[in-house]
Amino acid sequence: MTDWSRMGYGSWSNLAVVRERLAAGADPNTLAGGRGRPLHHAAREGSAEVVTELVRLVDDVDAVDDGRTALWLAVHAGRPANARALVAAGADPERPMMAGWSPARLSLAGATPDLFDTSVTLTQAEAATVAEAGRLIDALADVDSEGMSLCCVTGIDATEAVRRLDAAVLDEEIDVEDMWDADDDESIRTLGVTEVPGGCIISQPWAYGASMPLVALLLSAGTVCYGMYANPKSGNQGEAAHDGVITGSDLHPGGGWSEANAPAAEVLRDFLYQHHAVEYCCAYAAVRPADARPFTEPDRWVRLPARDWWASSRN
């Protein structure tokens, strides 16, 4: 082949494959159809050997694609060897991008804060955000989210959450193991409610009930919610609500990717919570559970009233 089409998993780490493509005439600056750059792919998912091969041939080691340089992507993907290869070829760690997050500043929030010799620093608030991410990821390490739904809400307590949902607090014991086999409407309307620092967490270990749109719409009045269903068939499905309005649906919490025009706080959050979907939901709503209990053993069980919980408005 004379282009970069059908470069499969692992291909960007295979120096022989890359050299074969280059020898056949593949453009080192552009992917097939002009969509993206080979160096960006290699920096994010390839090897330092492939990065070193490509930087000798590209027109600009700091070319920007979708708001990012190859060096930024190497840092974001946690590939320090690739980052060092790019810097050795002249890439600029302090070049600002992505709402001011240069590769150097981003590295300070990651696992290799000493990656670059740089004078840039994190703000006090950013450093606190990084520290909370580490604490939260450790605290929720035992959460098995597959099949679970949740809704994190900022700044209200459990009593207010129950009131907003017009839910009935249950006296009966709920056996979570038994609920995995239930598929009736009543089981879907049975949710856990736990008050935590920063707000409240609504959870359902066995199904999608806590992520139904009307749950977030009612809870988010005057505040912020983030809901998710960890769908075993199609992956994590996120939803954001602000003051009674769905502001984002079919989102991918923990996916790590930010739009090129995303605000600085969002870029940092996406970076910190890659592959940590439950923790991302908590961070979005600024709730701070101490452990996995809100998702496994909620403080109280409630049952929602019968109504259209898939409604897209509170009316």
Protein backbone atom coordinates (compact mmCIF):
# COMPACT_ATOMS: atom_id res chain seq x y z
CA MET A 1 0.00 0.00 0.00
CA THR A 2 1.16 3.54 -0.74
CA ASP A 3 -0.78 5.26 2.04
CA TRP A 4 -1.61 4.69 5.72
CA SER A 5 -4.95 2.96 5.32
CA ARG A 6 -5.64 -0.20 7.34
CA MET A 7 -2.98 0.49 9.93
CA GLY A 8 -4.34 -1.88 12.57
CA TYR A 9 -3.80 -2.27 16.30
CA GLY A 10 -0.08 -2.29 17.00
CA SER A 11 0.91 -1.10 13.53
CA TRP A 12 2.15 2.28 14.80
CA SER A 13 4.55 0.41 17.10
CA ASN A 14 5.92 -1.74 14.29
CA LEU A 15 8.91 0.01 12.76
CA ALA A 16 9.16 -2.48 9.89
CA VAL A 17 5.53 -1.86 8.86
CA VAL A 18 5.97 1.90 9.00
CA ARG A 19 9.19 1.80 7.00
CA GLU A 20 7.51 -0.43 4.41
CA ARG A 21 4.70 2.10 3.99
CA LEU A 22 7.15 4.99 3.71
CA ALA A 23 9.26 3.13 1.15
CA ALA A 24 6.11 2.50 -0.90
CA GLY A 25 5.39 6.23 -1.01
CA ALA A 26 3.14 6.91 2.00
CA ASP A 27 3.16 10.61 2.90
CA PRO A 28 4.83 11.13 6.31
CA ASN A 29 2.79 14.32 6.81
CA THR A 30 -0.75 13.19 5.99
CA LEU A 31 -3.01 10.21 6.48
CA ALA A 32 -5.24 8.84 3.73
CA GLY A 33 -7.68 11.52 2.54
CA GLY A 34 -5.81 14.23 4.44
CA ARG A 35 -7.47 13.28 7.73
CA GLY A 36 -4.92 13.51 10.53
CA ARG A 37 -1.17 13.02 10.69
CA PRO A 38 0.92 9.84 11.00
CA LEU A 39 3.16 11.39 13.67
CA HIS A 40 0.13 12.14 15.85
CA HIS A 41 -1.02 8.53 15.65
CA ALA A 42 2.45 7.23 16.43
CA ALA A 43 2.86 9.62 19.36
CA ARG A 44 -0.44 8.57 20.89
CA GLU A 45 -0.42 4.81 20.27
CA GLY A 46 2.94 3.83 18.80
CA SER A 47 6.53 3.32 19.81
CA ALA A 48 9.42 5.71 20.32
CA GLU A 49 11.24 3.98 17.44
CA VAL A 50 8.41 4.81 15.02
CA VAL A 51 8.18 8.37 16.36
CA THR A 52 11.93 8.80 15.81
CA GLU A 53 11.59 7.50 12.25
CA LEU A 54 8.76 9.87 11.39
CA VAL A 55 10.20 13.03 12.94
CA ARG A 56 13.10 12.84 10.50
CA LEU A 57 10.66 13.11 7.59
CA VAL A 58 7.84 15.43 8.66
CA ASP A 59 7.70 19.08 7.65
CA ASP A 60 6.89 20.29 11.17
CA VAL A 61 7.36 18.27 14.37
CA ASP A 62 4.97 20.69 16.12
CA ALA A 63 2.21 20.63 13.49
CA VAL A 64 -1.21 21.02 15.10
CA ASP A 65 -4.09 18.67 14.36
CA ASP A 66 -7.45 19.17 16.09
CA GLY A 67 -5.84 21.63 18.48
CA ARG A 68 -3.01 19.32 19.55
CA THR A 69 0.61 18.67 18.66
CA ALA A 70 2.05 15.17 18.58
CA LEU A 71 3.93 15.94 21.81
CA TRP A 72 0.69 16.88 23.57
CA LEU A 73 -0.83 13.57 22.50
CA ALA A 74 2.17 11.59 23.73
CA VAL A 75 1.85 13.22 27.16
CA HIS A 76 -1.92 12.74 27.22
CA ALA A 77 -1.58 9.05 26.34
CA GLY A 78 1.03 8.45 29.03
CA ARG A 79 3.87 7.63 26.62
CA PRO A 80 6.93 9.37 28.05
CA ALA A 81 9.39 7.64 25.72
CA ASN A 82 7.51 9.03 22.73
CA ALA A 83 7.48 12.46 24.34
CA ARG A 84 11.23 12.39 24.86
CA ALA A 85 11.79 11.37 21.25
CA LEU A 86 9.70 14.32 20.07
CA VAL A 87 11.52 16.80 22.32
CA ALA A 88 14.84 15.47 21.06
CA ALA A 89 13.62 16.30 17.56
CA GLY A 90 12.75 19.87 18.53
CA ALA A 91 9.14 19.69 19.73
CA ASP A 92 8.23 22.50 22.13
CA PRO A 93 6.90 21.31 25.53
CA GLU A 94 5.73 24.80 26.48
CA ARG A 95 3.70 25.56 23.38
CA PRO A 96 0.25 26.58 24.67
CA MET A 97 -2.80 24.77 23.30
CA MET A 98 -6.03 23.16 24.50
CA ALA A 99 -7.19 26.08 26.68
CA GLY A 100 -3.63 26.79 27.80
CA TRP A 101 -2.63 23.22 28.59
CA SER A 102 0.78 22.93 26.97
CA PRO A 103 2.43 19.50 26.93
CA ALA A 104 4.64 20.61 29.84
CA ARG A 105 1.75 21.80 32.01
CA LEU A 106 -0.27 18.69 31.21
CA SER A 107 2.64 16.47 32.21
CA LEU A 108 2.64 18.03 35.68
CA ALA A 109 -0.85 16.62 36.22
CA GLY A 110 0.09 13.11 35.11
CA ALA A 111 2.20 10.19 36.22
CA THR A 112 5.50 11.72 35.01
CA PRO A 113 5.60 15.29 36.37
CA ASP A 114 9.39 15.41 35.91
CA LEU A 115 9.16 14.54 32.22
CA PHE A 116 10.37 17.97 31.05
CA ASP A 117 12.89 20.48 32.34
CA THR A 118 10.42 23.34 32.57
CA SER A 119 9.54 26.32 34.71
CA VAL A 120 5.78 26.04 34.20
CA THR A 121 3.62 25.16 37.19
CA LEU A 122 0.10 24.18 38.11
CA THR A 123 -2.14 26.62 39.93
CA GLN A 124 -3.11 25.78 43.49
CA ALA A 125 -6.61 24.87 42.32
CA GLU A 126 -5.26 22.62 39.55
CA ALA A 127 -2.92 20.86 41.98
CA ALA A 128 -5.86 20.25 44.31
CA THR A 129 -7.86 18.81 41.39
CA VAL A 130 -5.00 16.44 40.57
CA ALA A 131 -4.72 15.33 44.19
CA GLU A 132 -8.47 14.70 44.43
CA ALA A 133 -8.36 12.62 41.25
CA GLY A 134 -5.72 10.36 42.75
CA ARG A 135 -7.68 10.01 45.98
CA LEU A 136 -10.95 9.31 44.19
CA ILE A 137 -9.49 6.72 41.84
CA ASP A 138 -7.95 4.90 44.81
CA ALA A 139 -11.17 5.14 46.84
CA LEU A 140 -13.31 3.62 44.10
CA ALA A 141 -10.84 1.04 42.88
CA ASP A 142 -13.11 -1.83 43.91
CA VAL A 143 -16.21 -0.61 42.06
CA ASP A 144 -17.33 -3.01 39.33
CA SER A 145 -19.46 -0.73 37.20
CA GLU A 146 -20.64 -3.13 34.49
CA GLY A 147 -24.43 -3.06 34.32
CA MET A 148 -24.67 -0.29 36.91
CA SER A 149 -26.30 3.13 36.61
CA LEU A 150 -25.73 6.24 38.68
CA CYS A 151 -26.51 9.91 38.95
CA CYS A 152 -24.21 12.27 40.87
CA VAL A 153 -25.72 15.60 41.95
CA THR A 154 -23.98 18.65 43.35
CA GLY A 155 -24.87 20.36 46.60
CA ILE A 156 -28.04 18.65 47.84
CA ASP A 157 -28.48 16.10 50.62
CA ALA A 158 -30.22 12.74 50.51
CA THR A 159 -33.46 14.08 51.96
CA GLU A 160 -33.70 16.74 49.27
CA ALA A 161 -32.86 14.21 46.56
CA VAL A 162 -35.70 11.95 47.71
CA ARG A 163 -38.07 14.94 47.81
CA ARG A 164 -37.16 16.08 44.30
CA LEU A 165 -37.77 12.59 42.95
CA ASP A 166 -41.03 12.25 44.89
CA ALA A 167 -39.71 8.83 45.89
CA ALA A 168 -40.83 6.59 48.74
CA VAL A 169 -38.18 5.43 51.22
CA LEU A 170 -38.32 1.64 51.54
CA ASP A 171 -38.29 -0.23 54.83
CA GLU A 172 -37.72 -3.56 53.12
CA GLU A 173 -34.27 -5.02 52.60
CA ILE A 174 -33.04 -5.08 49.01
CA ASP A 175 -30.98 -8.09 47.97
CA VAL A 176 -28.84 -6.77 45.14
CA GLU A 177 -28.00 -10.26 43.89
CA ASP A 178 -31.69 -11.06 43.47
CA MET A 179 -32.30 -7.79 41.64
CA TRP A 180 -29.95 -8.75 38.83
CA ASP A 181 -32.56 -11.24 37.65
CA ALA A 182 -35.51 -8.84 37.98
CA ASP A 183 -36.82 -7.10 34.90
CA ASP A 184 -40.10 -5.63 36.11
CA ASP A 185 -40.90 -1.92 36.23
CA GLU A 186 -40.77 -1.82 40.02
CA SER A 187 -37.18 -3.06 40.09
CA ILE A 188 -36.15 -0.38 37.60
CA ARG A 189 -37.75 2.26 39.82
CA THR A 190 -35.81 1.07 42.87
CA LEU A 191 -32.76 3.23 43.51
CA GLY A 192 -30.08 3.69 46.16
CA VAL A 193 -29.49 7.13 47.67
CA THR A 194 -26.34 8.08 49.57
CA GLU A 195 -25.26 11.47 50.87
CA VAL A 196 -21.55 12.19 50.38
CA PRO A 197 -19.30 15.24 50.75
CA GLY A 198 -20.25 17.66 48.00
CA GLY A 199 -23.72 16.30 47.31
CA CYS A 200 -25.54 13.05 46.74
CA ILE A 201 -25.16 9.86 44.70
CA ILE A 202 -28.11 7.96 43.25
CA SER A 203 -27.22 4.42 42.20
CA GLN A 204 -28.63 1.19 40.89
CA PRO A 205 -26.17 -1.72 40.67
CA TRP A 206 -28.29 -3.91 38.39
CA ALA A 207 -29.84 -1.75 35.64
CA TYR A 208 -30.26 1.63 33.99
CA GLY A 209 -32.81 3.17 36.38
CA ALA A 210 -30.55 5.82 37.95
CA SER A 211 -29.58 7.15 34.52
CA MET A 212 -33.09 7.74 33.18
CA PRO A 213 -33.31 11.34 31.91
CA LEU A 214 -36.05 12.54 34.24
CA VAL A 215 -33.99 11.50 37.28
CA ALA A 216 -31.26 13.95 36.32
CA LEU A 217 -33.72 16.63 35.22
CA LEU A 218 -35.51 16.65 38.57
CA LEU A 219 -32.36 16.42 40.65
CA SER A 220 -30.50 19.15 38.74
CA ALA A 221 -32.84 22.06 39.55
CA GLY A 222 -30.48 24.90 40.45
CA THR A 223 -27.46 22.64 40.33
CA VAL A 224 -25.54 20.07 38.24
CA CYS A 225 -25.96 16.32 37.66
CA TYR A 226 -24.02 13.72 35.76
CA GLY A 227 -25.61 10.34 35.08
CA MET A 228 -24.26 7.18 33.51
CA TYR A 229 -25.35 3.71 32.53
CA ALA A 230 -22.49 1.22 32.16
CA ASN A 231 -24.21 -0.71 29.40
CA PRO A 232 -22.69 -4.20 29.14
CA LYS A 233 -23.46 -4.27 25.42
CA SER A 234 -22.39 -0.82 24.24
CA GLY A 235 -20.21 0.72 26.96
CA ASN A 236 -20.58 3.71 29.22
CA GLN A 237 -23.37 6.10 28.29
CA GLY A 238 -23.17 9.48 30.04
CA GLU A 239 -25.58 12.37 30.42
CA ALA A 240 -25.12 15.86 31.89
CA ALA A 241 -27.91 18.07 33.25
CA HIS A 242 -27.74 21.67 34.41
CA ASP A 243 -30.65 23.32 36.19
CA GLY A 244 -33.35 21.09 34.76
CA VAL A 245 -31.95 20.91 31.21
CA ILE A 246 -30.09 18.03 29.58
CA THR A 247 -26.87 19.67 28.34
CA GLY A 248 -25.18 16.55 27.00
CA SER A 249 -26.29 13.03 26.11
CA ASP A 250 -24.64 9.92 24.72
CA LEU A 251 -21.44 11.10 26.37
CA HIS A 252 -18.41 8.91 27.08
CA PRO A 253 -17.24 9.46 30.66
CA GLY A 254 -13.68 8.33 31.15
CA GLY A 255 -13.04 8.38 27.42
CA GLY A 256 -10.30 10.96 27.84
CA TRP A 257 -10.98 13.01 24.73
CA SER A 258 -11.79 16.73 24.78
CA GLU A 259 -13.10 18.93 22.00
CA ALA A 260 -10.50 21.36 20.68
CA ASN A 261 -12.43 24.31 22.13
CA ALA A 262 -13.09 22.70 25.54
CA PRO A 263 -12.53 24.88 28.63
CA ALA A 264 -9.41 24.32 30.72
CA ALA A 265 -11.17 22.53 33.59
CA GLU A 266 -12.76 20.06 31.20
CA VAL A 267 -9.46 19.30 29.47
CA LEU A 268 -7.88 18.55 32.85
CA ARG A 269 -10.80 16.40 34.01
CA ASP A 270 -10.80 14.37 30.80
CA PHE A 271 -7.06 13.80 31.17
CA LEU A 272 -7.16 12.80 34.84
CA TYR A 273 -10.03 10.33 34.59
CA GLN A 274 -9.13 8.38 31.45
CA HIS A 275 -10.53 4.83 31.82
CA HIS A 276 -12.19 5.77 35.13
CA ALA A 277 -15.82 6.39 34.20
CA VAL A 278 -17.41 6.26 37.67
CA GLU A 279 -14.78 8.59 39.09
CA TYR A 280 -15.30 10.96 36.16
CA CYS A 281 -19.02 11.18 36.96
CA CYS A 282 -18.24 12.03 40.58
CA ALA A 283 -15.68 14.65 39.58
CA TYR A 284 -18.04 16.30 37.11
CA ALA A 285 -20.59 16.82 39.89
CA ALA A 286 -17.89 17.59 42.49
CA VAL A 287 -19.05 14.82 44.84
CA ARG A 288 -16.38 13.12 46.93
CA PRO A 289 -17.29 9.63 48.13
CA ALA A 290 -14.85 8.17 50.63
CA ASP A 291 -15.24 4.63 49.31
CA ALA A 292 -17.31 2.36 47.04
CA ARG A 293 -20.24 2.13 49.44
CA PRO A 294 -22.61 4.55 47.60
CA PHE A 295 -22.48 2.21 44.61
CA THR A 296 -22.61 -1.11 46.45
CA GLU A 297 -24.41 -0.50 49.77
CA PRO A 298 -26.40 2.75 49.55
CA ASP A 299 -27.58 4.43 52.74
CA ARG A 300 -31.22 4.02 51.80
CA TRP A 301 -33.33 2.44 49.11
CA VAL A 302 -36.18 4.37 47.53
CA ARG A 303 -38.80 3.66 44.91
CA LEU A 304 -39.72 6.17 42.24
CA PRO A 305 -43.40 6.77 41.51
CA ALA A 306 -44.84 5.36 38.28
CA ARG A 307 -44.39 7.95 35.54
CA ASP A 308 -42.51 8.50 32.28
CA TRP A 309 -38.92 8.56 33.53
CA TRP A 310 -37.65 8.77 29.97
CA ALA A 311 -39.21 12.20 29.50
CA SER A 312 -36.84 14.89 28.27
CA SER A 313 -38.42 17.67 30.32
CA ARG A 314 -39.72 18.07 33.88
CA ASN A 315 -43.27 18.89 32.75
